[in-house]
Amino acid sequence: MAALLVATVAAMTLTQRLRQEGPIARDIKLKTKPGPRYRICFRTPRDDTVEVAIVDDDERTVRVLSDGPLPESSGDAGPDGKPPAHCFDWDGTDGNGDPVPPEFYRLRVTLREVGRSGVSGEKLRIIEPVTGGVEAEAG
């Protein structure tokens, strides 16, 4: 009984700490650029070693965009005090360099040092592969 009580208190403490830390990434923007390329930007509440990946609807990794320290932020902190955004480009290909099939894709950010991971609610829809790249729409 005592072990159950200790485990319950530990779980509640961990849950509360994770709530206080807030989301893993926020202000996620998936933008279509000419080329075809996609600009993926987000803010994190902390500097950390991260894995930034594109995943399919089943959350399987399609392409890892970065795995290591966050790069320099793009721009200065905003007037609201938000940290500057970290941005990555994706060319619509998988880890082998092949165009991805038509489907929805999302961003997964993993904060390595704190052991947290999250997948964006915002999706990038690849409409159809075309010569020289893919057509897409963000949404």
Protein backbone atom coordinates (compact mmCIF):
# COMPACT_ATOMS: atom_id res chain seq x y z
CA MET A 1 0.00 0.00 0.00
CA ALA A 2 2.83 2.42 0.85
CA ALA A 3 4.55 1.68 -2.47
CA LEU A 4 1.33 2.49 -4.33
CA LEU A 5 1.00 5.78 -2.47
CA VAL A 6 4.63 6.73 -3.21
CA ALA A 7 4.20 5.85 -6.90
CA THR A 8 0.98 7.89 -7.13
CA VAL A 9 2.61 10.95 -5.56
CA ALA A 10 5.64 10.62 -7.86
CA ALA A 11 3.40 10.38 -10.94
CA MET A 12 1.39 13.42 -9.85
CA THR A 13 4.59 15.41 -9.26
CA LEU A 14 5.95 14.50 -12.70
CA THR A 15 2.65 15.37 -14.39
CA GLN A 16 2.52 18.74 -12.64
CA ARG A 17 6.15 19.51 -13.62
CA LEU A 18 5.44 18.68 -17.28
CA ARG A 19 2.34 20.91 -17.25
CA GLN A 20 4.39 23.79 -15.86
CA GLU A 21 7.00 23.38 -18.61
CA GLY A 22 4.30 23.95 -21.23
CA PRO A 23 4.24 22.66 -24.78
CA ILE A 24 7.32 21.24 -26.48
CA ALA A 25 6.90 23.53 -29.48
CA ARG A 26 4.47 26.35 -30.17
CA ASP A 27 3.63 28.81 -32.94
CA ILE A 28 4.23 26.05 -35.50
CA LYS A 29 4.06 27.29 -39.07
CA LEU A 30 4.20 25.03 -42.14
CA LYS A 31 4.52 27.14 -45.28
CA THR A 32 4.75 26.17 -48.94
CA LYS A 33 7.60 27.90 -50.78
CA PRO A 34 8.49 27.94 -54.48
CA GLY A 35 10.77 25.20 -55.56
CA PRO A 36 8.87 23.14 -54.22
CA ARG A 37 10.04 23.59 -50.67
CA TYR A 38 8.38 23.88 -47.32
CA ARG A 39 9.42 26.21 -44.53
CA ILE A 40 8.76 24.79 -41.08
CA CYS A 41 9.12 27.16 -38.12
CA PHE A 42 8.38 26.76 -34.43
CA ARG A 43 9.35 28.12 -31.03
CA THR A 44 10.54 26.06 -28.07
CA PRO A 45 10.38 27.05 -24.40
CA ARG A 46 14.02 26.04 -23.86
CA ASP A 47 17.29 25.48 -25.66
CA ASP A 48 17.80 21.76 -25.95
CA THR A 49 19.23 19.04 -28.14
CA VAL A 50 16.36 18.21 -30.49
CA GLU A 51 15.26 15.90 -33.23
CA VAL A 52 13.07 17.66 -35.79
CA ALA A 53 11.29 15.22 -38.09
CA ILE A 54 8.53 15.02 -40.66
CA VAL A 55 6.10 12.20 -39.85
CA ASP A 56 3.15 10.66 -41.68
CA ASP A 57 -0.38 10.34 -40.28
CA ASP A 58 0.67 7.17 -38.44
CA GLU A 59 3.53 9.18 -36.85
CA ARG A 60 6.18 7.14 -38.67
CA THR A 61 9.33 9.11 -39.45
CA VAL A 62 9.49 10.15 -43.10
CA ARG A 63 12.51 12.47 -42.89
CA VAL A 64 14.69 13.78 -40.06
CA LEU A 65 15.44 17.45 -40.70
CA SER A 66 17.77 17.97 -37.74
CA ASP A 67 19.17 15.95 -34.86
CA GLY A 68 21.33 17.93 -32.46
CA PRO A 69 21.47 21.38 -30.91
CA LEU A 70 18.90 23.87 -32.15
CA PRO A 71 20.32 26.15 -34.83
CA GLU A 72 20.47 29.90 -34.33
CA SER A 73 16.98 31.34 -34.15
CA SER A 74 15.54 33.27 -37.06
CA GLY A 75 15.22 36.85 -35.87
CA ASP A 76 14.89 38.48 -32.49
CA ALA A 77 12.38 37.82 -29.76
CA GLY A 78 9.05 39.45 -30.48
CA PRO A 79 7.58 42.38 -28.56
CA ASP A 80 5.44 39.89 -26.65
CA GLY A 81 8.61 38.35 -25.21
CA LYS A 82 8.26 35.12 -27.18
CA PRO A 83 11.58 33.49 -28.09
CA PRO A 84 12.60 33.71 -31.75
CA ALA A 85 11.53 30.92 -34.09
CA HIS A 86 13.70 28.05 -35.29
CA CYS A 87 13.13 27.34 -38.99
CA PHE A 88 13.90 24.37 -41.23
CA ASP A 89 13.38 23.74 -44.95
CA TRP A 90 12.03 20.47 -46.36
CA ASP A 91 12.07 19.59 -50.05
CA GLY A 92 9.19 17.09 -49.93
CA THR A 93 11.41 14.02 -50.03
CA ASP A 94 11.89 11.10 -47.67
CA GLY A 95 15.14 10.00 -46.03
CA ASN A 96 16.26 8.36 -49.31
CA GLY A 97 15.69 11.53 -51.35
CA ASP A 98 12.56 10.16 -53.06
CA PRO A 99 9.42 12.36 -53.39
CA VAL A 100 6.89 11.47 -50.70
CA PRO A 101 3.50 10.08 -51.75
CA PRO A 102 0.31 12.18 -51.59
CA GLU A 103 -0.76 12.26 -47.96
CA PHE A 104 -0.79 14.46 -44.85
CA TYR A 105 2.48 15.13 -43.00
CA ARG A 106 3.18 16.71 -39.62
CA LEU A 107 6.09 17.96 -37.58
CA ARG A 108 7.50 16.00 -34.61
CA VAL A 109 9.86 17.75 -32.20
CA THR A 110 11.73 15.74 -29.58
CA LEU A 111 13.54 17.53 -26.75
CA ARG A 112 16.32 15.06 -25.97
CA GLU A 113 17.56 16.48 -22.65
CA VAL A 114 14.14 16.38 -20.99
CA GLY A 115 12.93 13.28 -22.85
CA ARG A 116 9.76 14.86 -24.26
CA SER A 117 8.31 14.58 -27.75
CA GLY A 118 5.28 16.03 -29.49
CA VAL A 119 3.61 15.97 -32.90
CA SER A 120 1.99 19.09 -34.38
CA GLY A 121 -1.72 19.31 -34.93
CA GLU A 122 -1.11 21.40 -38.05
CA LYS A 123 -0.69 19.31 -41.19
CA LEU A 124 0.98 19.76 -44.55
CA ARG A 125 -0.93 18.01 -47.32
CA ILE A 126 1.07 16.73 -50.26
CA ILE A 127 -1.39 16.72 -53.16
CA GLU A 128 0.53 14.84 -55.85
CA PRO A 129 4.12 14.21 -56.85
CA VAL A 130 5.13 16.15 -59.95
CA THR A 131 8.28 16.35 -62.05
CA GLY A 132 10.93 18.17 -60.08
CA GLY A 133 9.09 18.03 -56.76
CA VAL A 134 5.65 17.97 -55.25
CA GLU A 135 2.65 20.25 -55.06
CA ALA A 136 1.29 20.87 -51.61
CA GLU A 137 -0.91 23.02 -49.46
CA ALA A 138 -0.54 23.88 -45.80
CA GLY A 139 -3.53 23.52 -43.55
